């Protein structure tokens, strides 16, 4: 909040440093696949996801008038709720706060 009040944009660590988690999740999905994956494709996929998440968080923060950290937390909550709903562990909320 202090940095934001001074005009410093900070991308939260769980957005900017998620490459290892994304790679691990991808590896878990591919572990039983008969197809081999080119490491360049994995790096491209990770880069695309991290850039996309960063762009979305910064856009959400700007449109909602919040800090990037608050916008990132809201995005994370939304994605967890959606994943839980897909697995039948939670009903879909009408609107997320």
PDB file of N, CA and C in Angstrom:
ATOM      1  N   UNK A   1       0.832  -1.188   0.000  1.00  0.00           N
ATOM      2  CA  UNK A   1       0.000   0.000   0.000  1.00  0.00           C
ATOM      3  C   UNK A   1       0.882   1.260   0.000  1.00  0.00           C
ATOM      4  N   UNK A   2       1.984   1.223   0.743  1.00  0.00           N
ATOM      5  CA  UNK A   2       2.876   2.382   0.802  1.00  0.00           C
ATOM      6  C   UNK A   2       3.510   2.625  -0.565  1.00  0.00           C
ATOM      7  N   UNK A   3       4.019   1.561  -1.174  1.00  0.00           N
ATOM      8  CA  UNK A   3       4.631   1.715  -2.498  1.00  0.00           C
ATOM      9  C   UNK A   3       3.601   2.183  -3.519  1.00  0.00           C
ATOM     10  N   UNK A   4       2.413   1.621  -3.448  1.00  0.00           N
ATOM     11  CA  UNK A   4       1.348   2.008  -4.369  1.00  0.00           C
ATOM     12  C   UNK A   4       1.013   3.488  -4.205  1.00  0.00           C
ATOM     13  N   UNK A   5       0.964   3.958  -2.970  1.00  0.00           N
ATOM     14  CA  UNK A   5       0.662   5.372  -2.726  1.00  0.00           C
ATOM     15  C   UNK A   5       1.754   6.284  -3.288  1.00  0.00           C
ATOM     16  N   UNK A   6       2.943   5.746  -3.469  1.00  0.00           N
ATOM     17  CA  UNK A   6       4.059   6.516  -4.035  1.00  0.00           C
ATOM     18  C   UNK A   6       4.179   6.329  -5.548  1.00  0.00           C
ATOM     19  N   UNK A   7       3.229   5.603  -6.139  1.00  0.00           N
ATOM     20  CA  UNK A   7       3.235   5.399  -7.579  1.00  0.00           C
ATOM     21  C   UNK A   7       4.122   4.261  -8.052  1.00  0.00           C
ATOM     22  N   UNK A   8       4.543   3.395  -7.125  1.00  0.00           N
ATOM     23  CA  UNK A   8       5.392   2.259  -7.484  1.00  0.00           C
ATOM     24  C   UNK A   8       4.504   1.044  -7.706  1.00  0.00           C
ATOM     25  N   UNK A   9       4.574   0.467  -8.886  1.00  0.00           N
ATOM     26  CA  UNK A   9       3.794  -0.723  -9.203  1.00  0.00           C
ATOM     27  C   UNK A   9       4.591  -1.958  -8.799  1.00  0.00           C
ATOM     28  N   UNK A  10       3.974  -2.800  -7.996  1.00  0.00           N
ATOM     29  CA  UNK A  10       4.608  -4.036  -7.541  1.00  0.00           C
ATOM     30  C   UNK A  10       3.712  -5.203  -7.924  1.00  0.00           C
ATOM     31  N   UNK A  11       4.258  -6.126  -8.686  1.00  0.00           N
ATOM     32  CA  UNK A  11       3.518  -7.344  -9.025  1.00  0.00           C
ATOM     33  C   UNK A  11       3.760  -8.338  -7.891  1.00  0.00           C
ATOM     34  N   UNK A  12       2.704  -8.877  -7.293  1.00  0.00           N
ATOM     35  CA  UNK A  12       2.873  -9.798  -6.165  1.00  0.00           C
ATOM     36  C   UNK A  12       3.728 -11.013  -6.528  1.00  0.00           C
ATOM     37  N   UNK A  13       4.466 -11.487  -5.555  1.00  0.00           N
ATOM     38  CA  UNK A  13       5.383 -12.605  -5.796  1.00  0.00           C
ATOM     39  C   UNK A  13       4.659 -13.843  -6.288  1.00  0.00           C
ATOM     40  N   UNK A  14       3.448 -14.102  -5.812  1.00  0.00           N
ATOM     41  CA  UNK A  14       2.757 -15.324  -6.235  1.00  0.00           C
ATOM     42  C   UNK A  14       2.235 -15.232  -7.662  1.00  0.00           C
ATOM     43  N   UNK A  15       2.340 -14.066  -8.263  1.00  0.00           N
ATOM     44  CA  UNK A  15       2.050 -13.903  -9.683  1.00  0.00           C
ATOM     45  C   UNK A  15       3.361 -13.940 -10.476  1.00  0.00           C
ATOM     46  N   UNK A  16       4.331 -13.148 -10.048  1.00  0.00           N
ATOM     47  CA  UNK A  16       5.593 -13.009 -10.782  1.00  0.00           C
ATOM     48  C   UNK A  16       6.489 -14.239 -10.689  1.00  0.00           C
ATOM     49  N   UNK A  17       6.411 -14.974  -9.598  1.00  0.00           N
ATOM     50  CA  UNK A  17       7.331 -16.095  -9.378  1.00  0.00           C
ATOM     51  C   UNK A  17       6.640 -17.453  -9.450  1.00  0.00           C
ATOM     52  N   UNK A  18       5.568 -17.541 -10.197  1.00  0.00           N
ATOM     53  CA  UNK A  18       4.782 -18.777 -10.250  1.00  0.00           C
ATOM     54  C   UNK A  18       5.287 -19.772 -11.286  1.00  0.00           C
ATOM     55  N   UNK A  19       6.379 -19.480 -11.947  1.00  0.00           N
ATOM     56  CA  UNK A  19       6.869 -20.352 -13.020  1.00  0.00           C
ATOM     57  C   UNK A  19       7.133 -21.771 -12.580  1.00  0.00           C
ATOM     58  N   UNK A  20       7.725 -21.939 -11.412  1.00  0.00           N
ATOM     59  CA  UNK A  20       8.011 -23.278 -10.910  1.00  0.00           C
ATOM     60  C   UNK A  20       6.750 -24.065 -10.638  1.00  0.00           C
ATOM     61  N   UNK A  21       5.748 -23.407 -10.104  1.00  0.00           N
ATOM     62  CA  UNK A  21       4.479 -24.067  -9.807  1.00  0.00           C
ATOM     63  C   UNK A  21       3.772 -24.456 -11.103  1.00  0.00           C
ATOM     64  N   UNK A  22       3.791 -23.553 -12.070  1.00  0.00           N
ATOM     65  CA  UNK A  22       3.161 -23.846 -13.365  1.00  0.00           C
ATOM     66  C   UNK A  22       3.869 -25.021 -14.037  1.00  0.00           C
ATOM     67  N   UNK A  23       5.191 -25.019 -13.999  1.00  0.00           N
ATOM     68  CA  UNK A  23       5.956 -26.120 -14.601  1.00  0.00           C
ATOM     69  C   UNK A  23       5.681 -27.439 -13.886  1.00  0.00           C
ATOM     70  N   UNK A  24       5.605 -27.409 -12.560  1.00  0.00           N
ATOM     71  CA  UNK A  24       5.326 -28.629 -11.801  1.00  0.00           C
ATOM     72  C   UNK A  24       3.932 -29.162 -12.112  1.00  0.00           C
ATOM     73  N   UNK A  25       2.955 -28.275 -12.190  1.00  0.00           N
ATOM     74  CA  UNK A  25       1.591 -28.706 -12.517  1.00  0.00           C
ATOM     75  C   UNK A  25       1.548 -29.309 -13.913  1.00  0.00           C
ATOM     76  N   UNK A  26       2.235 -28.684 -14.846  1.00  0.00           N
ATOM     77  CA  UNK A  26       2.283 -29.213 -16.210  1.00  0.00           C
ATOM     78  C   UNK A  26       2.958 -30.592 -16.224  1.00  0.00           C
ATOM     79  N   UNK A  27       4.037 -30.733 -15.481  1.00  0.00           N
ATOM     80  CA  UNK A  27       4.744 -32.017 -15.417  1.00  0.00           C
ATOM     81  C   UNK A  27       3.856 -33.102 -14.822  1.00  0.00           C
ATOM     82  N   UNK A  28       3.083 -32.742 -13.794  1.00  0.00           N
ATOM     83  CA  UNK A  28       2.166 -33.721 -13.189  1.00  0.00           C
ATOM     84  C   UNK A  28       1.119 -34.172 -14.210  1.00  0.00           C
ATOM     85  N   UNK A  29       0.619 -33.228 -15.003  1.00  0.00           N
ATOM     86  CA  UNK A  29      -0.371 -33.580 -16.027  1.00  0.00           C
ATOM     87  C   UNK A  29       0.230 -34.463 -17.117  1.00  0.00           C
ATOM     88  N   UNK A  30       1.485 -34.240 -17.433  1.00  0.00           N
ATOM     89  CA  UNK A  30       2.121 -34.941 -18.547  1.00  0.00           C
ATOM     90  C   UNK A  30       2.830 -36.231 -18.143  1.00  0.00           C
ATOM     91  N   UNK A  31       2.871 -36.560 -16.873  1.00  0.00           N
ATOM     92  CA  UNK A  31       3.693 -37.697 -16.436  1.00  0.00           C
ATOM     93  C   UNK A  31       3.254 -39.028 -17.028  1.00  0.00           C
ATOM     94  N   UNK A  32       1.991 -39.191 -17.359  1.00  0.00           N
ATOM     95  CA  UNK A  32       1.527 -40.453 -17.938  1.00  0.00           C
ATOM     96  C   UNK A  32       1.277 -40.347 -19.440  1.00  0.00           C
ATOM     97  N   UNK A  33       1.643 -39.221 -20.006  1.00  0.00           N
ATOM     98  CA  UNK A  33       1.428 -39.018 -21.435  1.00  0.00           C
ATOM     99  C   UNK A  33       2.472 -39.790 -22.240  1.00  0.00           C
ATOM    100  N   UNK A  34       2.055 -40.396 -23.331  1.00  0.00           N
ATOM    101  CA  UNK A  34       3.022 -41.098 -24.187  1.00  0.00           C
ATOM    102  C   UNK A  34       3.845 -40.133 -25.043  1.00  0.00           C
ATOM    103  N   UNK A  35       3.508 -38.854 -25.006  1.00  0.00           N
ATOM    104  CA  UNK A  35       4.184 -37.865 -25.837  1.00  0.00           C
ATOM    105  C   UNK A  35       5.273 -37.154 -25.046  1.00  0.00           C
ATOM    106  N   UNK A  36       6.374 -36.914 -25.688  1.00  0.00           N
ATOM    107  CA  UNK A  36       7.429 -36.143 -25.039  1.00  0.00           C
ATOM    108  C   UNK A  36       7.167 -34.658 -25.270  1.00  0.00           C
ATOM    109  N   UNK A  37       7.627 -33.857 -24.337  1.00  0.00           N
ATOM    110  CA  UNK A  37       7.414 -32.420 -24.422  1.00  0.00           C
ATOM    111  C   UNK A  37       8.761 -31.738 -24.596  1.00  0.00           C
ATOM    112  N   UNK A  38       8.819 -30.848 -25.534  1.00  0.00           N
ATOM    113  CA  UNK A  38      10.039 -30.079 -25.782  1.00  0.00           C
ATOM    114  C   UNK A  38      10.160 -29.010 -24.691  1.00  0.00           C
ATOM    115  N   UNK A  39      11.291 -28.939 -23.999  1.00  0.00           N
ATOM    116  CA  UNK A  39      11.459 -27.925 -22.945  1.00  0.00           C
ATOM    117  C   UNK A  39      11.198 -26.501 -23.429  1.00  0.00           C
ATOM    118  N   UNK A  40      11.506 -26.204 -24.686  1.00  0.00           N
ATOM    119  CA  UNK A  40      11.227 -24.859 -25.214  1.00  0.00           C
ATOM    120  C   UNK A  40       9.730 -24.564 -25.179  1.00  0.00           C
ATOM    121  N   UNK A  41       8.927 -25.590 -25.458  1.00  0.00           N
ATOM    122  CA  UNK A  41       7.474 -25.400 -25.412  1.00  0.00           C
ATOM    123  C   UNK A  41       6.999 -25.126 -23.989  1.00  0.00           C
ATOM    124  N   UNK A  42       7.616 -25.783 -23.019  1.00  0.00           N
ATOM    125  CA  UNK A  42       7.247 -25.567 -21.619  1.00  0.00           C
ATOM    126  C   UNK A  42       7.595 -24.143 -21.203  1.00  0.00           C
ATOM    127  N   UNK A  43       8.797 -23.694 -21.560  1.00  0.00           N
ATOM    128  CA  UNK A  43       9.197 -22.330 -21.205  1.00  0.00           C
ATOM    129  C   UNK A  43       8.283 -21.297 -21.867  1.00  0.00           C
ATOM    130  N   UNK A  44       7.904 -21.557 -23.109  1.00  0.00           N
ATOM    131  CA  UNK A  44       6.991 -20.647 -23.805  1.00  0.00           C
ATOM    132  C   UNK A  44       5.638 -20.612 -23.113  1.00  0.00           C
ATOM    133  N   UNK A  45       5.117 -21.787 -22.740  1.00  0.00           N
ATOM    134  CA  UNK A  45       3.827 -21.862 -22.060  1.00  0.00           C
ATOM    135  C   UNK A  45       3.879 -21.121 -20.725  1.00  0.00           C
ATOM    136  N   UNK A  46       4.949 -21.334 -19.954  1.00  0.00           N
ATOM    137  CA  UNK A  46       5.085 -20.666 -18.659  1.00  0.00           C
ATOM    138  C   UNK A  46       5.160 -19.155 -18.857  1.00  0.00           C
ATOM    139  N   UNK A  47       5.969 -18.722 -19.794  1.00  0.00           N
ATOM    140  CA  UNK A  47       6.118 -17.295 -20.071  1.00  0.00           C
ATOM    141  C   UNK A  47       4.786 -16.666 -20.468  1.00  0.00           C
ATOM    142  N   UNK A  48       4.047 -17.343 -21.328  1.00  0.00           N
ATOM    143  CA  UNK A  48       2.745 -16.836 -21.766  1.00  0.00           C
ATOM    144  C   UNK A  48       1.780 -16.717 -20.586  1.00  0.00           C
ATOM    145  N   UNK A  49       1.761 -17.720 -19.735  1.00  0.00           N
ATOM    146  CA  UNK A  49       0.846 -17.684 -18.584  1.00  0.00           C
ATOM    147  C   UNK A  49       1.220 -16.590 -17.590  1.00  0.00           C
ATOM    148  N   UNK A  50       2.513 -16.483 -17.284  1.00  0.00           N
ATOM    149  CA  UNK A  50       2.937 -15.465 -16.320  1.00  0.00           C
ATOM    150  C   UNK A  50       2.682 -14.064 -16.866  1.00  0.00           C
ATOM    151  N   UNK A  51       2.958 -13.861 -18.141  1.00  0.00           N
ATOM    152  CA  UNK A  51       2.686 -12.551 -18.740  1.00  0.00           C
ATOM    153  C   UNK A  51       1.191 -12.258 -18.735  1.00  0.00           C
ATOM    154  N   UNK A  52       0.402 -13.236 -19.118  1.00  0.00           N
ATOM    155  CA  UNK A  52      -1.053 -13.059 -19.127  1.00  0.00           C
ATOM    156  C   UNK A  52      -1.608 -12.753 -17.748  1.00  0.00           C
ATOM    157  N   UNK A  53      -1.132 -13.483 -16.737  1.00  0.00           N
ATOM    158  CA  UNK A  53      -1.583 -13.231 -15.372  1.00  0.00           C
ATOM    159  C   UNK A  53      -1.183 -11.836 -14.909  1.00  0.00           C
ATOM    160  N   UNK A  54       0.042 -11.430 -15.239  1.00  0.00           N
ATOM    161  CA  UNK A  54       0.515 -10.101 -14.842  1.00  0.00           C
ATOM    162  C   UNK A  54      -0.312  -9.011 -15.504  1.00  0.00           C
ATOM    163  N   UNK A  55      -0.555  -9.151 -16.786  1.00  0.00           N
ATOM    164  CA  UNK A  55      -1.367  -8.167 -17.512  1.00  0.00           C
ATOM    165  C   UNK A  55      -2.768  -8.095 -16.914  1.00  0.00           C
ATOM    166  N   UNK A  56      -3.354  -9.253 -16.605  1.00  0.00           N
ATOM    167  CA  UNK A  56      -4.704  -9.265 -16.040  1.00  0.00           C
ATOM    168  C   UNK A  56      -4.731  -8.613 -14.667  1.00  0.00           C
ATOM    169  N   UNK A  57      -3.756  -8.928 -13.825  1.00  0.00           N
ATOM    170  CA  UNK A  57      -3.715  -8.362 -12.475  1.00  0.00           C
ATOM    171  C   UNK A  57      -3.562  -6.842 -12.538  1.00  0.00           C
ATOM    172  N   UNK A  58      -2.666  -6.365 -13.386  1.00  0.00           N
ATOM    173  CA  UNK A  58      -2.468  -4.915 -13.488  1.00  0.00           C
ATOM    174  C   UNK A  58      -3.715  -4.229 -14.048  1.00  0.00           C
ATOM    175  N   UNK A  59      -4.369  -4.846 -15.012  1.00  0.00           N
ATOM    176  CA  UNK A  59      -5.608  -4.279 -15.567  1.00  0.00           C
ATOM    177  C   UNK A  59      -6.719  -4.289 -14.526  1.00  0.00           C
ATOM    178  N   UNK A  60      -6.847  -5.397 -13.793  1.00  0.00           N
ATOM    179  CA  UNK A  60      -7.878  -5.485 -12.751  1.00  0.00           C
ATOM    180  C   UNK A  60      -7.642  -4.444 -11.662  1.00  0.00           C
ATOM    181  N   UNK A  61      -6.381  -4.254 -11.276  1.00  0.00           N
ATOM    182  CA  UNK A  61      -6.056  -3.259 -10.253  1.00  0.00           C
ATOM    183  C   UNK A  61      -6.423  -1.861 -10.730  1.00  0.00           C
ATOM    184  N   UNK A  62      -6.080  -1.565 -11.981  1.00  0.00           N
ATOM    185  CA  UNK A  62      -6.385  -0.232 -12.519  1.00  0.00           C
ATOM    186  C   UNK A  62      -7.885   0.000 -12.610  1.00  0.00           C
ATOM    187  N   UNK A  63      -8.622  -1.012 -13.067  1.00  0.00           N
ATOM    188  CA  UNK A  63     -10.072  -0.827 -13.248  1.00  0.00           C
ATOM    189  C   UNK A  63     -10.833  -0.803 -11.927  1.00  0.00           C
ATOM    190  N   UNK A  64     -10.294  -1.487 -10.912  1.00  0.00           N
ATOM    191  CA  UNK A  64     -11.002  -1.527  -9.620  1.00  0.00           C
ATOM    192  C   UNK A  64     -10.474  -0.501  -8.624  1.00  0.00           C
ATOM    193  N   UNK A  65      -9.373   0.159  -8.974  1.00  0.00           N
ATOM    194  CA  UNK A  65      -8.804   1.153  -8.069  1.00  0.00           C
ATOM    195  C   UNK A  65      -8.149   0.544  -6.844  1.00  0.00           C
ATOM    196  N   UNK A  66      -7.669  -0.701  -6.987  1.00  0.00           N
ATOM    197  CA  UNK A  66      -7.008  -1.377  -5.875  1.00  0.00           C
ATOM    198  C   UNK A  66      -5.527  -1.548  -6.197  1.00  0.00           C
ATOM    199  N   UNK A  67      -4.794  -2.108  -5.270  1.00  0.00           N
ATOM    200  CA  UNK A  67      -3.390  -2.410  -5.518  1.00  0.00           C
ATOM    201  C   UNK A  67      -3.296  -3.706  -6.329  1.00  0.00           C
ATOM    202  N   UNK A  68      -2.185  -3.921  -7.009  1.00  0.00           N
ATOM    203  CA  UNK A  68      -2.012  -5.190  -7.714  1.00  0.00           C
ATOM    204  C   UNK A  68      -2.115  -6.397  -6.770  1.00  0.00           C
ATOM    205  N   UNK A  69      -1.658  -6.248  -5.534  1.00  0.00           N
ATOM    206  CA  UNK A  69      -1.752  -7.366  -4.583  1.00  0.00           C
ATOM    207  C   UNK A  69      -3.206  -7.717  -4.299  1.00  0.00           C
ATOM    208  N   UNK A  70      -4.031  -6.713  -4.086  1.00  0.00           N
ATOM    209  CA  UNK A  70      -5.452  -6.973  -3.841  1.00  0.00           C
ATOM    210  C   UNK A  70      -6.123  -7.584  -5.073  1.00  0.00           C
ATOM    211  N   UNK A  71      -5.778  -7.075  -6.244  1.00  0.00           N
ATOM    212  CA  UNK A  71      -6.342  -7.624  -7.479  1.00  0.00           C
ATOM    213  C   UNK A  71      -5.892  -9.066  -7.696  1.00  0.00           C
ATOM    214  N   UNK A  72      -4.636  -9.360  -7.381  1.00  0.00           N
ATOM    215  CA  UNK A  72      -4.119 -10.723  -7.536  1.00  0.00           C
ATOM    216  C   UNK A  72      -4.803 -11.682  -6.574  1.00  0.00           C
ATOM    217  N   UNK A  73      -5.037 -11.236  -5.350  1.00  0.00           N
ATOM    218  CA  UNK A  73      -5.738 -12.090  -4.386  1.00  0.00           C
ATOM    219  C   UNK A  73      -7.168 -12.370  -4.847  1.00  0.00           C
ATOM    220  N   UNK A  74      -7.831 -11.364  -5.383  1.00  0.00           N
ATOM    221  CA  UNK A  74      -9.195 -11.561  -5.885  1.00  0.00           C
ATOM    222  C   UNK A  74      -9.203 -12.539  -7.052  1.00  0.00           C
ATOM    223  N   UNK A  75      -8.239 -12.413  -7.963  1.00  0.00           N
ATOM    224  CA  UNK A  75      -8.132 -13.335  -9.086  1.00  0.00           C
ATOM    225  C   UNK A  75      -7.871 -14.760  -8.604  1.00  0.00           C
ATOM    226  N   UNK A  76      -6.974 -14.907  -7.644  1.00  0.00           N
ATOM    227  CA  UNK A  76      -6.667 -16.236  -7.101  1.00  0.00           C
ATOM    228  C   UNK A  76      -7.908 -16.852  -6.454  1.00  0.00           C
ATOM    229  N   UNK A  77      -8.630 -16.060  -5.662  1.00  0.00           N
ATOM    230  CA  UNK A  77      -9.867 -16.569  -5.034  1.00  0.00           C
ATOM    231  C   UNK A  77     -10.862 -17.013  -6.088  1.00  0.00           C
ATOM    232  N   UNK A  78     -11.040 -16.184  -7.109  1.00  0.00           N
ATOM    233  CA  UNK A  78     -11.987 -16.515  -8.183  1.00  0.00           C
ATOM    234  C   UNK A  78     -11.609 -17.833  -8.855  1.00  0.00           C
ATOM    235  N   UNK A  79     -10.331 -18.009  -9.150  1.00  0.00           N
ATOM    236  CA  UNK A  79      -9.895 -19.235  -9.836  1.00  0.00           C
ATOM    237  C   UNK A  79     -10.020 -20.457  -8.946  1.00  0.00           C
ATOM    238  N   UNK A  80      -9.754 -20.319  -7.664  1.00  0.00           N
ATOM    239  CA  UNK A  80      -9.912 -21.448  -6.743  1.00  0.00           C
ATOM    240  C   UNK A  80     -11.387 -21.813  -6.633  1.00  0.00           C
ATOM    241  N   UNK A  81     -12.254 -20.814  -6.487  1.00  0.00           N
ATOM    242  CA  UNK A  81     -13.695 -21.089  -6.397  1.00  0.00           C
ATOM    243  C   UNK A  81     -14.207 -21.771  -7.657  1.00  0.00           C
ATOM    244  N   UNK A  82     -13.738 -21.306  -8.819  1.00  0.00           N
ATOM    245  CA  UNK A  82     -14.164 -21.928 -10.080  1.00  0.00           C
ATOM    246  C   UNK A  82     -13.676 -23.376 -10.175  1.00  0.00           C
ATOM    247  N   UNK A  83     -12.448 -23.631  -9.767  1.00  0.00           N
ATOM    248  CA  UNK A  83     -11.919 -25.000  -9.794  1.00  0.00           C
ATOM    249  C   UNK A  83     -12.697 -25.895  -8.835  1.00  0.00           C
ATOM    250  N   UNK A  84     -13.020 -25.379  -7.666  1.00  0.00           N
ATOM    251  CA  UNK A  84     -13.800 -26.159  -6.701  1.00  0.00           C
ATOM    252  C   UNK A  84     -15.190 -26.452  -7.248  1.00  0.00           C
ATOM    253  N   UNK A  85     -15.790 -25.477  -7.912  1.00  0.00           N
ATOM    254  CA  UNK A  85     -17.118 -25.678  -8.493  1.00  0.00           C
ATOM    255  C   UNK A  85     -17.071 -26.740  -9.588  1.00  0.00           C
ATOM    256  N   UNK A  86     -16.028 -26.720 -10.405  1.00  0.00           N
ATOM    257  CA  UNK A  86     -15.895 -27.728 -11.460  1.00  0.00           C
ATOM    258  C   UNK A  86     -15.771 -29.133 -10.889  1.00  0.00           C
ATOM    259  N   UNK A  87     -15.201 -29.235  -9.706  1.00  0.00           N
ATOM    260  CA  UNK A  87     -15.032 -30.534  -9.058  1.00  0.00           C
ATOM    261  C   UNK A  87     -16.219 -30.904  -8.157  1.00  0.00           C
ATOM    262  N   UNK A  88     -17.233 -30.050  -8.154  1.00  0.00           N
ATOM    263  CA  UNK A  88     -18.418 -30.311  -7.346  1.00  0.00           C
ATOM    264  C   UNK A  88     -18.197 -30.084  -5.860  1.00  0.00           C
ATOM    265  N   UNK A  89     -17.155 -29.364  -5.502  1.00  0.00           N
ATOM    266  CA  UNK A  89     -16.852 -29.124  -4.096  1.00  0.00           C
ATOM    267  C   UNK A  89     -17.473 -27.838  -3.586  1.00  0.00           C
ATOM    268  N   UNK A  90     -18.064 -27.068  -4.475  1.00  0.00           N
ATOM    269  CA  UNK A  90     -18.626 -25.783  -4.073  1.00  0.00           C
ATOM    270  C   UNK A  90     -19.591 -25.355  -5.169  1.00  0.00           C
ATOM    271  N   UNK A  91     -20.677 -24.710  -4.777  1.00  0.00           N
ATOM    272  CA  UNK A  91     -21.578 -24.168  -5.789  1.00  0.00           C
ATOM    273  C   UNK A  91     -20.959 -22.881  -6.329  1.00  0.00           C
ATOM    274  N   UNK A  92     -21.284 -22.586  -7.553  1.00  0.00           N
ATOM    275  CA  UNK A  92     -20.733 -21.388  -8.175  1.00  0.00           C
ATOM    276  C   UNK A  92     -21.344 -20.140  -7.527  1.00  0.00           C
ATOM    277  N   UNK A  93     -20.483 -19.217  -7.094  1.00  0.00           N
ATOM    278  CA  UNK A  93     -21.021 -17.971  -6.548  1.00  0.00           C
ATOM    279  C   UNK A  93     -21.539 -17.095  -7.665  1.00  0.00           C
ATOM    280  N   UNK A  94     -22.588 -16.351  -7.380  1.00  0.00           N
ATOM    281  CA  UNK A  94     -23.149 -15.459  -8.386  1.00  0.00           C
ATOM    282  C   UNK A  94     -22.191 -14.313  -8.669  1.00  0.00           C
ATOM    283  N   UNK A  95     -21.630 -13.735  -7.610  1.00  0.00           N
ATOM    284  CA  UNK A  95     -20.686 -12.630  -7.735  1.00  0.00           C
ATOM    285  C   UNK A  95     -19.613 -12.814  -6.686  1.00  0.00           C
ATOM    286  N   UNK A  96     -18.364 -12.667  -7.082  1.00  0.00           N
ATOM    287  CA  UNK A  96     -17.265 -12.763  -6.130  1.00  0.00           C
ATOM    288  C   UNK A  96     -16.896 -11.372  -5.644  1.00  0.00           C
ATOM    289  N   UNK A  97     -16.667 -11.268  -4.355  1.00  0.00           N
ATOM    290  CA  UNK A  97     -16.269  -9.979  -3.787  1.00  0.00           C
ATOM    291  C   UNK A  97     -14.791  -9.786  -3.897  1.00  0.00           C
TER     292      UNK A  97
END
